[in-house]
Amino acid sequence: MRIVFLGSDAIALPALEYLRGAAGTQLAGVITQPDRPAGRGQHLQANPVAAWARAQGVAMLQPTQPGAEELAWLRAEGVELAMVMAYGKILRAEFLEALPRGVWNLHASRLPAYRGASPIEAALAMGETETAVCLMRVVPALDAGSVADAESVAIPAGDTGPRLRERLARACVPLLARNLTRLAEGSIRTTPQDETRASYTRKLSKADARLDFTRTAEELERRVRALQPWPGSVVEHAGETLKVGEALAIAETVVVKPGAVVRVGPEGVDVATSAGVLRLRALQRPGGRMLGAAEFLRGHPIKEGVVLPSFAGAPLVSPRPFPRQSAKSPPGPT
């Protein structure tokens, strides 16, 4: 079975590596996003999947949007099936209909929960103790295709976005190993998703880094862990935007305005929330490096009683698709 892989993010690399060497399959090539300007010099930079394909000598296409040229290439190469993970582009109906074995997606959530662009961050932020990678058939509606199989992944206490992302990436390998033969034979069975239980996530933005102290300390601690490394978490103090590298929720009742600094010490900066206290344990000034609280405070004191502003942003999860997250234009990788 000849396969094309569509992806752009590093989370897809373990699946891509597995497909390249799996018995009974041939990786015909990779379709990924174009190189983009990055860094201070704005030099063109390949995404992780493109860099992998170049290093391995695998055929690669980098269209702005897959179209007639890519469809012609698929036919010429005899490609039978497409596997997608974190590609970041919508696939039009003609692409979905072009491959005899179908187009399949590896989605990093327990569907129908957390469809959309940021399922990993959402699962952490919402306090889930388990998530999964689902193998699902791609349909025009956002992450709504029927599900063939899933590989469960635990979310231990204190987990972070990067650690969970790495485990989900590795979980793709046993999921593919169980299902490739059935995909090749056309014998795979799928189960429709329960639409009544569907929830949606959106593409994250830089504004999502700003903390809202009118939330609970537990919510904020999970958010700090979930949004690593990007967009991260920040607070405003003395005209500067300080990045929060680590935070801890403390079950303590304080009768002050949310955002008020109630205690400052070597263990951290304790900030009142709507329920409990959030201890900021690592902070970073613009242009500086991330420091533990004790070292940070020696060069940048924060006084008790000062009120850090709160920023209320859009929810990360909704029971309905977010604006511009329709079947016609889903944002970001899924």
Protein backbone atom coordinates (compact mmCIF):
# COMPACT_ATOMS: atom_id res chain seq x y z
CA MET A 1 0.00 0.00 0.00
CA ARG A 2 1.48 3.33 -1.07
CA ILE A 3 0.90 6.11 1.45
CA VAL A 4 1.33 9.86 1.43
CA PHE A 5 1.76 11.62 4.77
CA LEU A 6 0.46 15.13 5.42
CA GLY A 7 1.89 16.94 8.44
CA SER A 8 3.88 19.96 9.55
CA ASP A 9 4.46 19.70 13.31
CA ALA A 10 7.05 17.68 15.24
CA ILE A 11 4.31 15.67 16.95
CA ALA A 12 3.89 13.81 13.64
CA LEU A 13 7.48 12.56 13.41
CA PRO A 14 7.14 9.23 15.28
CA ALA A 15 4.16 8.27 13.08
CA LEU A 16 6.08 9.31 9.98
CA GLU A 17 9.13 7.30 11.00
CA TYR A 18 6.97 4.25 11.62
CA LEU A 19 5.20 4.49 8.26
CA ARG A 20 8.52 4.78 6.45
CA GLY A 21 9.66 1.40 7.73
CA ALA A 22 6.39 -0.50 8.22
CA ALA A 23 6.09 -3.84 6.45
CA GLY A 24 3.59 -3.93 3.61
CA THR A 25 3.59 -0.18 3.03
CA GLN A 26 5.58 2.30 0.99
CA LEU A 27 5.87 5.96 1.92
CA ALA A 28 5.43 7.60 -1.47
CA GLY A 29 6.08 11.07 -0.13
CA VAL A 30 5.17 13.88 2.22
CA ILE A 31 2.91 16.89 1.75
CA THR A 32 3.69 19.67 4.19
CA GLN A 33 3.43 23.42 4.57
CA PRO A 34 5.85 25.74 2.72
CA ASP A 35 9.02 27.02 4.38
CA ARG A 36 8.30 30.28 6.23
CA PRO A 37 10.37 33.26 7.44
CA ALA A 38 11.43 32.85 11.07
CA GLY A 39 13.80 34.39 13.61
CA ARG A 40 15.33 37.82 13.74
CA GLY A 41 16.72 37.57 10.24
CA GLN A 42 13.41 36.27 8.87
CA HIS A 43 15.23 33.58 6.91
CA LEU A 44 13.13 30.81 5.39
CA GLN A 45 12.88 27.88 7.78
CA ALA A 46 11.52 24.40 7.19
CA ASN A 47 8.96 22.94 9.55
CA PRO A 48 9.97 19.71 11.37
CA VAL A 49 8.28 17.41 8.85
CA ALA A 50 9.86 19.18 5.87
CA ALA A 51 13.26 19.03 7.55
CA TRP A 52 12.79 15.29 8.18
CA ALA A 53 11.78 14.63 4.57
CA ARG A 54 14.82 16.47 3.21
CA ALA A 55 17.17 14.65 5.57
CA GLN A 56 15.72 11.26 4.63
CA GLY A 57 15.52 11.93 0.91
CA VAL A 58 11.76 11.42 0.86
CA ALA A 59 9.75 13.03 -1.94
CA MET A 60 8.08 16.21 -0.68
CA LEU A 61 5.47 18.65 -1.90
CA GLN A 62 4.91 22.02 -0.18
CA PRO A 63 1.81 23.60 -1.69
CA THR A 64 0.09 26.59 -0.15
CA GLN A 65 -3.06 24.52 -0.52
CA PRO A 66 -3.27 20.99 -1.99
CA GLY A 67 -4.87 21.25 -5.42
CA ALA A 68 -4.81 19.89 -8.97
CA GLU A 69 -1.03 19.53 -9.13
CA GLU A 70 -0.93 17.44 -5.97
CA LEU A 71 -3.86 15.30 -7.15
CA ALA A 72 -2.01 14.60 -10.39
CA TRP A 73 1.07 13.61 -8.41
CA LEU A 74 -0.97 11.23 -6.24
CA ARG A 75 -2.37 9.51 -9.33
CA ALA A 76 1.04 9.31 -11.02
CA GLU A 77 2.59 7.78 -7.89
CA GLY A 78 -0.21 5.27 -7.37
CA VAL A 79 -0.92 6.54 -3.85
CA GLU A 80 -3.77 4.62 -2.21
CA LEU A 81 -4.09 6.21 1.23
CA ALA A 82 -3.27 9.49 2.98
CA MET A 83 -2.39 9.75 6.67
CA VAL A 84 -2.71 13.20 8.26
CA MET A 85 -1.44 14.60 11.53
CA ALA A 86 -0.95 18.25 12.47
CA TYR A 87 -0.90 19.39 8.85
CA GLY A 88 -2.61 22.73 9.45
CA LYS A 89 -4.49 23.00 6.14
CA ILE A 90 -7.99 22.08 5.10
CA LEU A 91 -8.32 19.25 2.59
CA ARG A 92 -10.90 19.85 -0.09
CA ALA A 93 -13.51 17.32 -1.12
CA GLU A 94 -11.69 16.39 -4.32
CA PHE A 95 -8.62 15.39 -2.28
CA LEU A 96 -10.70 13.33 0.16
CA GLU A 97 -12.33 11.49 -2.74
CA ALA A 98 -9.14 10.86 -4.73
CA LEU A 99 -7.60 8.02 -2.71
CA PRO A 100 -9.09 4.51 -2.87
CA ARG A 101 -8.17 3.64 0.74
CA GLY A 102 -9.30 7.01 2.07
CA VAL A 103 -7.81 9.86 4.05
CA TRP A 104 -7.19 9.21 7.75
CA ASN A 105 -6.26 11.53 10.59
CA LEU A 106 -4.38 10.98 13.84
CA HIS A 107 -6.13 13.37 16.24
CA ALA A 108 -4.73 13.99 19.72
CA SER A 109 -7.87 13.75 21.83
CA ARG A 110 -10.52 11.26 22.88
CA LEU A 111 -13.07 12.18 20.23
CA PRO A 112 -15.67 13.62 20.15
CA ALA A 113 -14.10 15.72 22.91
CA TYR A 114 -11.69 18.51 21.94
CA ARG A 115 -12.06 18.63 18.21
CA GLY A 116 -10.11 21.42 16.55
CA ALA A 117 -6.74 23.09 16.79
CA SER A 118 -5.57 22.78 20.42
CA PRO A 119 -6.79 19.49 21.92
CA ILE A 120 -3.62 18.83 23.92
CA GLU A 121 -3.60 22.20 25.65
CA ALA A 122 -7.34 21.94 26.27
CA ALA A 123 -7.12 18.52 27.90
CA LEU A 124 -4.48 19.79 30.33
CA ALA A 125 -6.23 23.08 31.03
CA MET A 126 -9.53 21.33 31.71
CA GLY A 127 -7.97 18.97 34.23
CA GLU A 128 -8.39 15.69 32.34
CA THR A 129 -6.58 12.66 33.76
CA GLU A 130 -6.52 10.79 30.44
CA THR A 131 -6.58 11.58 26.75
CA ALA A 132 -5.89 9.61 23.56
CA VAL A 133 -4.84 9.61 19.94
CA CYS A 134 -7.73 8.64 17.68
CA LEU A 135 -7.46 7.19 14.19
CA MET A 136 -10.39 8.73 12.33
CA ARG A 137 -11.60 9.03 8.77
CA VAL A 138 -11.32 12.59 7.46
CA VAL A 139 -14.61 14.15 6.35
CA PRO A 140 -15.43 17.76 5.37
CA ALA A 141 -16.79 18.62 8.85
CA LEU A 142 -14.19 19.51 11.49
CA ASP A 143 -12.78 16.34 13.12
CA ALA A 144 -16.23 14.74 12.80
CA GLY A 145 -15.30 11.56 10.94
CA SER A 146 -15.97 8.08 12.27
CA VAL A 147 -13.30 6.61 14.58
CA ALA A 148 -11.51 3.34 13.91
CA ASP A 149 -9.37 3.01 17.03
CA ALA A 150 -7.75 4.97 19.85
CA GLU A 151 -4.59 4.72 21.95
CA SER A 152 -5.05 5.97 25.51
CA VAL A 153 -2.50 8.26 27.17
CA ALA A 154 -2.53 9.07 30.88
CA ILE A 155 -2.17 12.65 32.12
CA PRO A 156 -0.39 12.53 35.50
CA ALA A 157 -0.60 15.33 38.04
CA GLY A 158 1.75 18.18 37.21
CA ASP A 159 2.02 17.25 33.54
CA THR A 160 3.00 19.93 31.01
CA GLY A 161 2.18 20.56 27.37
CA PRO A 162 5.57 19.43 26.03
CA ARG A 163 5.61 16.19 28.06
CA LEU A 164 2.06 15.25 27.08
CA ARG A 165 2.71 16.12 23.44
CA GLU A 166 5.72 13.80 23.40
CA ARG A 167 3.73 10.88 24.85
CA LEU A 168 0.88 11.43 22.40
CA ALA A 169 3.37 11.47 19.53
CA ARG A 170 4.77 8.09 20.63
CA ALA A 171 1.25 6.68 21.10
CA CYS A 172 0.67 6.97 17.35
CA VAL A 173 3.04 4.08 16.69
CA PRO A 174 1.09 1.23 18.38
CA LEU A 175 -2.13 2.73 17.01
CA LEU A 176 -0.82 2.52 13.46
CA ALA A 177 0.71 -0.91 14.04
CA ARG A 178 -2.70 -2.30 15.00
CA ASN A 179 -4.51 -0.82 12.03
CA LEU A 180 -2.29 -0.63 8.94
CA THR A 181 -3.09 -4.12 7.71
CA ARG A 182 -6.82 -3.51 8.06
CA LEU A 183 -6.47 -0.20 6.24
CA ALA A 184 -4.60 -1.91 3.42
CA GLU A 185 -7.20 -4.69 3.17
CA GLY A 186 -10.12 -2.30 3.37
CA SER A 187 -11.48 -4.28 6.31
CA ILE A 188 -11.21 -1.59 8.98
CA ARG A 189 -14.38 -0.80 10.90
CA THR A 190 -15.29 2.58 12.30
CA THR A 191 -17.77 3.97 14.81
CA PRO A 192 -19.59 7.27 14.26
CA GLN A 193 -18.91 9.94 16.84
CA ASP A 194 -21.64 10.94 19.31
CA GLU A 195 -22.38 14.49 18.21
CA THR A 196 -24.19 15.26 21.47
CA ARG A 197 -20.85 14.93 23.32
CA ALA A 198 -18.75 16.96 20.91
CA SER A 199 -16.64 19.87 22.11
CA TYR A 200 -14.34 22.18 20.17
CA THR A 201 -11.02 23.89 20.73
CA ARG A 202 -9.63 26.88 18.88
CA LYS A 203 -6.32 28.05 17.55
CA LEU A 204 -4.31 29.67 20.34
CA SER A 205 -3.01 33.21 20.11
CA LYS A 206 -0.43 35.33 21.89
CA ALA A 207 -3.24 36.96 23.89
CA ASP A 208 -3.99 33.60 25.55
CA ALA A 209 -0.78 33.94 27.58
CA ARG A 210 -2.27 36.65 29.81
CA LEU A 211 -3.47 35.31 33.15
CA ASP A 212 -6.90 36.09 34.57
CA PHE A 213 -6.78 36.06 38.37
CA THR A 214 -10.58 36.06 38.60
CA ARG A 215 -10.24 32.34 37.80
CA THR A 216 -9.33 29.82 40.50
CA ALA A 217 -5.75 29.01 41.45
CA GLU A 218 -6.20 25.41 40.26
CA GLU A 219 -7.42 26.58 36.85
CA LEU A 220 -4.49 28.95 36.50
CA GLU A 221 -1.89 26.38 37.50
CA ARG A 222 -3.25 23.98 34.88
CA ARG A 223 -3.24 26.76 32.30
CA VAL A 224 0.41 27.63 32.99
CA ARG A 225 1.36 23.98 32.48
CA ALA A 226 -0.89 23.56 29.44
CA LEU A 227 0.32 26.56 27.46
CA GLN A 228 4.02 25.70 27.59
CA PRO A 229 6.02 26.48 25.54
CA TRP A 230 3.71 28.68 23.44
CA PRO A 231 1.99 31.02 23.96
CA GLY A 232 3.18 30.58 27.55
CA SER A 233 1.78 32.55 30.48
CA VAL A 234 2.47 36.15 31.43
CA VAL A 235 1.62 38.77 34.05
CA GLU A 236 2.00 42.55 33.90
CA HIS A 237 4.06 44.30 36.58
CA ALA A 238 5.57 47.79 36.70
CA GLY A 239 5.09 48.30 32.98
CA GLU A 240 6.77 45.02 32.04
CA THR A 241 5.40 41.74 30.77
CA LEU A 242 6.81 38.95 32.90
CA LYS A 243 6.71 35.39 31.65
CA VAL A 244 5.62 32.75 34.19
CA GLY A 245 7.59 29.54 33.88
CA GLU A 246 6.14 27.62 36.82
CA ALA A 247 3.17 28.11 39.13
CA LEU A 248 1.60 26.24 42.02
CA ALA A 249 -1.98 26.37 43.30
CA ILE A 250 -2.29 26.73 47.09
CA ALA A 251 -5.56 26.03 48.89
CA GLU A 252 -5.69 29.14 51.02
CA THR A 253 -8.54 31.57 51.67
CA VAL A 254 -7.63 35.25 51.29
CA VAL A 255 -10.10 38.13 51.36
CA VAL A 256 -8.48 40.50 48.91
CA LYS A 257 -8.98 41.48 45.29
CA PRO A 258 -7.98 38.80 42.76
CA GLY A 259 -4.54 39.68 41.44
CA ALA A 260 -3.33 41.16 44.73
CA VAL A 261 0.12 39.99 45.83
CA VAL A 262 -0.43 38.58 49.31
CA ARG A 263 3.06 37.28 50.04
CA VAL A 264 6.55 37.49 48.56
CA GLY A 265 9.39 35.17 49.51
CA PRO A 266 12.10 32.86 48.19
CA GLU A 267 9.50 30.21 47.36
CA GLY A 268 7.54 32.51 45.08
CA VAL A 269 5.17 35.39 44.58
CA ASP A 270 1.75 34.49 46.00
CA VAL A 271 -1.16 36.05 44.14
CA ALA A 272 -4.81 35.99 45.20
CA THR A 273 -7.33 34.41 42.84
CA SER A 274 -11.08 33.88 43.00
CA ALA A 275 -10.40 30.70 45.01
CA GLY A 276 -7.00 29.97 46.48
CA VAL A 277 -3.57 31.47 45.92
CA LEU A 278 -1.36 31.06 42.86
CA ARG A 279 2.34 30.92 43.70
CA LEU A 280 4.53 32.15 40.83
CA ARG A 281 7.68 30.05 41.24
CA ALA A 282 9.68 31.03 38.15
CA LEU A 283 9.63 34.33 36.26
CA GLN A 284 11.38 35.93 33.31
CA ARG A 285 11.79 39.57 32.33
CA PRO A 286 11.78 40.66 28.67
CA GLY A 287 15.17 39.84 27.18
CA GLY A 288 16.23 37.92 30.27
CA ARG A 289 16.23 34.26 31.21
CA MET A 290 13.81 32.26 33.29
CA LEU A 291 14.77 32.43 36.98
CA GLY A 292 13.54 30.82 40.16
CA ALA A 293 11.57 33.20 42.35
CA ALA A 294 14.33 33.85 44.87
CA GLU A 295 16.88 34.83 42.22
CA PHE A 296 14.35 36.82 40.21
CA LEU A 297 13.23 38.89 43.19
CA ARG A 298 16.79 39.92 44.04
CA GLY A 299 16.99 41.89 40.81
CA HIS A 300 13.33 42.70 40.31
CA PRO A 301 11.45 43.14 43.61
CA ILE A 302 7.67 42.77 43.71
CA LYS A 303 5.95 44.28 46.75
CA GLU A 304 3.13 42.79 48.74
CA GLY A 305 -0.16 44.57 48.16
CA VAL A 306 0.45 45.42 44.51
CA VAL A 307 -2.38 44.23 42.26
CA LEU A 308 -1.46 42.41 39.07
CA PRO A 309 -4.03 43.07 36.34
CA SER A 310 -6.32 40.30 35.13
CA PHE A 311 -7.11 39.68 31.47
CA ALA A 312 -10.28 37.79 30.65
CA GLY A 313 -9.89 36.00 27.34
CA ALA A 314 -11.97 33.74 25.14
CA PRO A 315 -12.66 30.20 26.41
CA LEU A 316 -10.40 27.44 25.18
CA VAL A 317 -13.27 24.96 24.78
CA SER A 318 -16.81 25.36 23.45
CA PRO A 319 -19.73 22.99 22.78
CA ARG A 320 -19.92 24.55 19.30
CA PRO A 321 -17.30 25.30 16.66
CA PHE A 322 -15.50 28.58 17.20
CA PRO A 323 -15.82 31.32 14.57
CA ARG A 324 -13.85 30.48 11.42
CA GLN A 325 -13.58 26.90 12.64
CA SER A 326 -16.28 25.61 10.33
CA ALA A 327 -16.00 22.73 7.91
CA LYS A 328 -14.85 25.24 5.30
CA SER A 329 -11.95 26.68 7.23
CA PRO A 330 -10.71 24.79 10.30
CA PRO A 331 -7.75 26.61 11.87
CA GLY A 332 -4.40 25.14 12.67
CA PRO A 333 -3.26 21.54 12.95
CA THR A 334 -5.64 18.82 14.04
